Every structure is written in C-alpha cells, then in structure tokens.
C-alpha cells in the first residue's frame, strides 16, 4: 500500500511543483506592480536559468501542461524565426491534461536547462511563460549552440 501512495503522490501531488512559488527574499529589489521574466546563463553550473517573478498584487495562473513547463525556450534559426529549443515534454503519468500553477504576490518560479558549450551556431535565446493566458517573454540573450538542436519541422 505505501507504494500506491508514492505513485499517487508522484502522479498528482508533485505536478506543478515548479510553480509552487517561493517567497522572494528581497521583494523590494524588484519593481513593484510588475511581472518579470528573466533569463541568464549560469556559467558555474553551465545552465540556462529562467525566473518568473510576480510583484503584482494578484495571484497569477501559470500554464503548466502535463504538470510541468514543457516548452519554455526559443532560439532564432538561421532565417531569424523563433523556434522551440527545449522540447522536454513531461507526460504527468499519461494523463495528458493541462494544469495550472498558481503564483502568489511576491513569489517566484524558476526553470533551468543544461547547456553543453559546444556548437558553431551563434544565435539568441529567450524564455517564455504563459501567464493568465498571455505569453510573456524574457529579453533575448546571445548563445552558441549546435544548430541541429533547434526543433524545426524543416530539419526532420
């Protein structure tokens, strides 16, 4: 029976955990009445890290398909079109249902992805989150990747 509880918790209790907001340690360090999407390269861990910071007075609905942000990074391809870069889909126990995470005032959520430091294609990357049914983007940053990593139907 304990295994069943663990499976149920993994399938239902853990979905959307990324969006269980964490209280901002220094909320005054961010502009009041704002919703921020930030993207940085952490060179010490070789990861792209993105934050969604809620400094509004509202609790926000953040789309978390199948319990997790699945596509949250885009890069510009050689034609200057934004393409999916992170196709890391999660299938929350095969349920296939969209879920919504809640982000309260003065809370933040974070998502990260390993980058491998190889490639020969200099481009830009940006993060995006769907908040209250509207897509919010970070400012783009420069990055070098393997062009084959861009998820584009023309490449298949």
C-alpha atoms as a PDB file:
ATOM      1  CA  UNK A   1       0.000   0.000   0.000  1.00  0.00           C
ATOM      2  CA  UNK A   2       2.846   2.507   0.655  1.00  0.00           C
ATOM      3  CA  UNK A   3       3.953   2.074  -2.974  1.00  0.00           C
ATOM      4  CA  UNK A   4       0.480   3.053  -4.156  1.00  0.00           C
ATOM      5  CA  UNK A   5       0.609   6.244  -2.073  1.00  0.00           C
ATOM      6  CA  UNK A   6       4.023   7.083  -3.510  1.00  0.00           C
ATOM      7  CA  UNK A   7       2.779   6.555  -7.062  1.00  0.00           C
ATOM      8  CA  UNK A   8      -0.316   8.678  -6.407  1.00  0.00           C
ATOM      9  CA  UNK A   9       1.825  11.438  -4.903  1.00  0.00           C
ATOM     10  CA  UNK A  10       4.234  11.338  -7.848  1.00  0.00           C
ATOM     11  CA  UNK A  11       1.377  11.467 -10.352  1.00  0.00           C
ATOM     12  CA  UNK A  12      -0.875  14.005  -8.692  1.00  0.00           C
ATOM     13  CA  UNK A  13       0.830  15.596  -5.713  1.00  0.00           C
ATOM     14  CA  UNK A  14       4.011  16.618  -7.468  1.00  0.00           C
ATOM     15  CA  UNK A  15       2.553  18.033 -10.684  1.00  0.00           C
ATOM     16  CA  UNK A  16       3.112  21.723 -10.984  1.00  0.00           C
ATOM     17  CA  UNK A  17       5.620  21.757  -8.118  1.00  0.00           C
ATOM     18  CA  UNK A  18       7.855  24.080 -10.110  1.00  0.00           C
ATOM     19  CA  UNK A  19       5.110  26.675  -9.790  1.00  0.00           C
ATOM     20  CA  UNK A  20       4.716  26.385  -6.072  1.00  0.00           C
ATOM     21  CA  UNK A  21       6.070  29.839  -5.656  1.00  0.00           C
ATOM     22  CA  UNK A  22       8.896  30.607  -3.361  1.00  0.00           C
ATOM     23  CA  UNK A  23       8.756  33.835  -1.449  1.00  0.00           C
ATOM     24  CA  UNK A  24      11.134  36.475  -2.781  1.00  0.00           C
ATOM     25  CA  UNK A  25      13.941  37.057  -0.259  1.00  0.00           C
ATOM     26  CA  UNK A  26      14.249  40.764  -1.187  1.00  0.00           C
ATOM     27  CA  UNK A  27      10.996  41.798  -2.893  1.00  0.00           C
ATOM     28  CA  UNK A  28      11.939  45.481  -2.860  1.00  0.00           C
ATOM     29  CA  UNK A  29      14.826  44.634  -5.193  1.00  0.00           C
ATOM     30  CA  UNK A  30      12.270  44.200  -7.992  1.00  0.00           C
ATOM     31  CA  UNK A  31       9.939  46.846  -9.411  1.00  0.00           C
ATOM     32  CA  UNK A  32       6.554  46.952  -7.673  1.00  0.00           C
ATOM     33  CA  UNK A  33       3.427  46.084  -9.671  1.00  0.00           C
ATOM     34  CA  UNK A  34       5.421  44.150 -12.277  1.00  0.00           C
ATOM     35  CA  UNK A  35       5.658  40.676 -13.732  1.00  0.00           C
ATOM     36  CA  UNK A  36       9.230  39.847 -14.711  1.00  0.00           C
ATOM     37  CA  UNK A  37      10.592  37.071 -16.918  1.00  0.00           C
ATOM     38  CA  UNK A  38      14.379  36.879 -16.611  1.00  0.00           C
ATOM     39  CA  UNK A  39      16.865  34.607 -18.376  1.00  0.00           C
ATOM     40  CA  UNK A  40      20.547  34.231 -17.505  1.00  0.00           C
ATOM     41  CA  UNK A  41      23.413  31.866 -18.260  1.00  0.00           C
ATOM     42  CA  UNK A  42      24.908  30.429 -15.079  1.00  0.00           C
ATOM     43  CA  UNK A  43      28.487  29.701 -16.179  1.00  0.00           C
ATOM     44  CA  UNK A  44      29.363  27.963 -12.894  1.00  0.00           C
ATOM     45  CA  UNK A  45      26.766  25.230 -13.498  1.00  0.00           C
ATOM     46  CA  UNK A  46      26.594  25.516 -17.304  1.00  0.00           C
ATOM     47  CA  UNK A  47      22.820  26.056 -17.227  1.00  0.00           C
ATOM     48  CA  UNK A  48      20.283  28.467 -18.653  1.00  0.00           C
ATOM     49  CA  UNK A  49      18.098  29.688 -15.786  1.00  0.00           C
ATOM     50  CA  UNK A  50      14.809  31.493 -16.120  1.00  0.00           C
ATOM     51  CA  UNK A  51      12.718  33.148 -13.429  1.00  0.00           C
ATOM     52  CA  UNK A  52       9.123  34.317 -13.368  1.00  0.00           C
ATOM     53  CA  UNK A  53       8.779  36.954 -10.629  1.00  0.00           C
ATOM     54  CA  UNK A  54       5.350  38.128  -9.514  1.00  0.00           C
ATOM     55  CA  UNK A  55       5.437  41.611  -7.954  1.00  0.00           C
ATOM     56  CA  UNK A  56       1.778  42.307  -8.730  1.00  0.00           C
ATOM     57  CA  UNK A  57      -0.988  42.243  -6.121  1.00  0.00           C
ATOM     58  CA  UNK A  58      -2.668  39.310  -7.903  1.00  0.00           C
ATOM     59  CA  UNK A  59      -2.230  35.563  -7.777  1.00  0.00           C
ATOM     60  CA  UNK A  60      -1.331  34.544 -11.326  1.00  0.00           C
ATOM     61  CA  UNK A  61      -2.302  31.447 -13.289  1.00  0.00           C
ATOM     62  CA  UNK A  62       0.745  29.929 -14.977  1.00  0.00           C
ATOM     63  CA  UNK A  63       0.156  27.266 -17.617  1.00  0.00           C
ATOM     64  CA  UNK A  64       1.909  24.005 -16.740  1.00  0.00           C
ATOM     65  CA  UNK A  65       0.949  21.456 -19.427  1.00  0.00           C
ATOM     66  CA  UNK A  66       1.059  17.939 -18.021  1.00  0.00           C
ATOM     67  CA  UNK A  67       2.339  19.222 -14.686  1.00  0.00           C
ATOM     68  CA  UNK A  68       5.462  20.996 -15.866  1.00  0.00           C
ATOM     69  CA  UNK A  69       6.599  23.766 -18.160  1.00  0.00           C
ATOM     70  CA  UNK A  70       7.469  21.742 -21.239  1.00  0.00           C
ATOM     71  CA  UNK A  71       8.442  24.278 -23.877  1.00  0.00           C
ATOM     72  CA  UNK A  72       9.952  27.385 -22.343  1.00  0.00           C
ATOM     73  CA  UNK A  73      12.926  28.304 -24.519  1.00  0.00           C
ATOM     74  CA  UNK A  74      13.090  29.587 -28.071  1.00  0.00           C
ATOM     75  CA  UNK A  75      16.091  30.347 -30.293  1.00  0.00           C
ATOM     76  CA  UNK A  76      16.338  32.202 -33.578  1.00  0.00           C
ATOM     77  CA  UNK A  77      17.051  29.934 -36.511  1.00  0.00           C
ATOM     78  CA  UNK A  78      19.229  30.873 -39.480  1.00  0.00           C
ATOM     79  CA  UNK A  79      16.247  32.702 -41.035  1.00  0.00           C
ATOM     80  CA  UNK A  80      15.626  34.825 -37.939  1.00  0.00           C
ATOM     81  CA  UNK A  81      12.455  32.927 -36.934  1.00  0.00           C
ATOM     82  CA  UNK A  82      11.934  31.917 -33.296  1.00  0.00           C
ATOM     83  CA  UNK A  83      11.915  28.108 -32.911  1.00  0.00           C
ATOM     84  CA  UNK A  84      11.458  25.759 -29.958  1.00  0.00           C
ATOM     85  CA  UNK A  85      14.750  24.959 -28.249  1.00  0.00           C
ATOM     86  CA  UNK A  86      13.607  22.916 -25.273  1.00  0.00           C
ATOM     87  CA  UNK A  87      11.246  20.140 -26.284  1.00  0.00           C
ATOM     88  CA  UNK A  88      11.436  18.447 -22.883  1.00  0.00           C
ATOM     89  CA  UNK A  89       7.881  17.148 -22.663  1.00  0.00           C
ATOM     90  CA  UNK A  90       6.576  15.588 -19.465  1.00  0.00           C
ATOM     91  CA  UNK A  91       3.606  13.269 -19.593  1.00  0.00           C
ATOM     92  CA  UNK A  92       2.332  13.509 -15.976  1.00  0.00           C
ATOM     93  CA  UNK A  93       1.522   9.800 -15.600  1.00  0.00           C
ATOM     94  CA  UNK A  94       0.000   9.735 -19.053  1.00  0.00           C
ATOM     95  CA  UNK A  95      -2.975  11.849 -18.032  1.00  0.00           C
ATOM     96  CA  UNK A  96      -2.319  14.337 -20.828  1.00  0.00           C
ATOM     97  CA  UNK A  97      -4.240  17.158 -19.129  1.00  0.00           C
ATOM     98  CA  UNK A  98      -3.191  20.777 -18.910  1.00  0.00           C
ATOM     99  CA  UNK A  99      -2.675  22.029 -15.392  1.00  0.00           C
ATOM    100  CA  UNK A 100      -2.357  25.447 -13.901  1.00  0.00           C
ATOM    101  CA  UNK A 101       0.174  26.554 -11.308  1.00  0.00           C
ATOM    102  CA  UNK A 102      -0.595  29.494  -9.065  1.00  0.00           C
ATOM    103  CA  UNK A 103       1.987  32.168  -8.323  1.00  0.00           C
ATOM    104  CA  UNK A 104       1.032  34.450  -5.436  1.00  0.00           C
ATOM    105  CA  UNK A 105       2.211  38.064  -4.983  1.00  0.00           C
ATOM    106  CA  UNK A 106       5.925  38.388  -4.136  1.00  0.00           C
ATOM    107  CA  UNK A 107       6.649  34.804  -5.189  1.00  0.00           C
ATOM    108  CA  UNK A 108       8.817  33.430  -7.989  1.00  0.00           C
ATOM    109  CA  UNK A 109       9.195  30.249 -10.002  1.00  0.00           C
ATOM    110  CA  UNK A 110      12.367  29.029 -11.714  1.00  0.00           C
ATOM    111  CA  UNK A 111      13.159  26.689 -14.609  1.00  0.00           C
ATOM    112  CA  UNK A 112      16.622  25.633 -15.790  1.00  0.00           C
ATOM    113  CA  UNK A 113      18.252  23.652 -18.595  1.00  0.00           C
ATOM    114  CA  UNK A 114      21.757  22.312 -19.067  1.00  0.00           C
ATOM    115  CA  UNK A 115      23.747  23.730 -21.950  1.00  0.00           C
ATOM    116  CA  UNK A 116      26.725  21.885 -23.287  1.00  0.00           C
ATOM    117  CA  UNK A 117      29.106  24.543 -24.553  1.00  0.00           C
ATOM    118  CA  UNK A 118      29.539  23.015 -27.968  1.00  0.00           C
ATOM    119  CA  UNK A 119      28.263  24.057 -31.351  1.00  0.00           C
ATOM    120  CA  UNK A 120      29.000  26.606 -34.001  1.00  0.00           C
ATOM    121  CA  UNK A 121      25.718  28.494 -34.385  1.00  0.00           C
ATOM    122  CA  UNK A 122      25.658  31.918 -32.717  1.00  0.00           C
ATOM    123  CA  UNK A 123      22.073  32.972 -32.046  1.00  0.00           C
ATOM    124  CA  UNK A 124      19.731  34.422 -29.447  1.00  0.00           C
ATOM    125  CA  UNK A 125      17.631  32.579 -26.882  1.00  0.00           C
ATOM    126  CA  UNK A 126      14.620  33.770 -24.883  1.00  0.00           C
ATOM    127  CA  UNK A 127      12.409  32.259 -22.207  1.00  0.00           C
ATOM    128  CA  UNK A 128       8.640  32.402 -22.197  1.00  0.00           C
ATOM    129  CA  UNK A 129       5.834  31.557 -19.803  1.00  0.00           C
ATOM    130  CA  UNK A 130       2.071  31.549 -20.339  1.00  0.00           C
ATOM    131  CA  UNK A 131       0.571  33.704 -17.575  1.00  0.00           C
ATOM    132  CA  UNK A 132      -3.188  34.304 -17.350  1.00  0.00           C
ATOM    133  CA  UNK A 133      -3.480  33.005 -20.953  1.00  0.00           C
ATOM    134  CA  UNK A 134      -0.961  35.552 -22.253  1.00  0.00           C
ATOM    135  CA  UNK A 135       2.611  34.698 -23.308  1.00  0.00           C
ATOM    136  CA  UNK A 136       5.347  36.659 -21.504  1.00  0.00           C
ATOM    137  CA  UNK A 137       8.911  36.714 -22.891  1.00  0.00           C
ATOM    138  CA  UNK A 138      12.299  37.466 -21.391  1.00  0.00           C
ATOM    139  CA  UNK A 139      14.759  39.728 -23.131  1.00  0.00           C
ATOM    140  CA  UNK A 140      16.839  37.638 -25.571  1.00  0.00           C
ATOM    141  CA  UNK A 141      20.446  36.784 -24.733  1.00  0.00           C
ATOM    142  CA  UNK A 142      23.276  35.590 -27.011  1.00  0.00           C
ATOM    143  CA  UNK A 143      24.284  31.949 -27.016  1.00  0.00           C
ATOM    144  CA  UNK A 144      26.228  29.457 -29.170  1.00  0.00           C
ATOM    145  CA  UNK A 145      24.523  26.123 -29.841  1.00  0.00           C
ATOM    146  CA  UNK A 146      24.548  23.190 -32.217  1.00  0.00           C
ATOM    147  CA  UNK A 147      22.134  24.223 -34.994  1.00  0.00           C
ATOM    148  CA  UNK A 148      20.778  20.661 -35.131  1.00  0.00           C
ATOM    149  CA  UNK A 149      19.293  21.195 -31.646  1.00  0.00           C
ATOM    150  CA  UNK A 150      16.679  23.604 -32.986  1.00  0.00           C
ATOM    151  CA  UNK A 151      13.290  21.903 -33.098  1.00  0.00           C
ATOM    152  CA  UNK A 152      12.047  22.789 -36.553  1.00  0.00           C
ATOM    153  CA  UNK A 153       9.879  20.707 -38.899  1.00  0.00           C
ATOM    154  CA  UNK A 154      12.187  21.600 -41.782  1.00  0.00           C
ATOM    155  CA  UNK A 155      15.014  19.710 -40.054  1.00  0.00           C
ATOM    156  CA  UNK A 156      13.152  16.402 -39.716  1.00  0.00           C
END
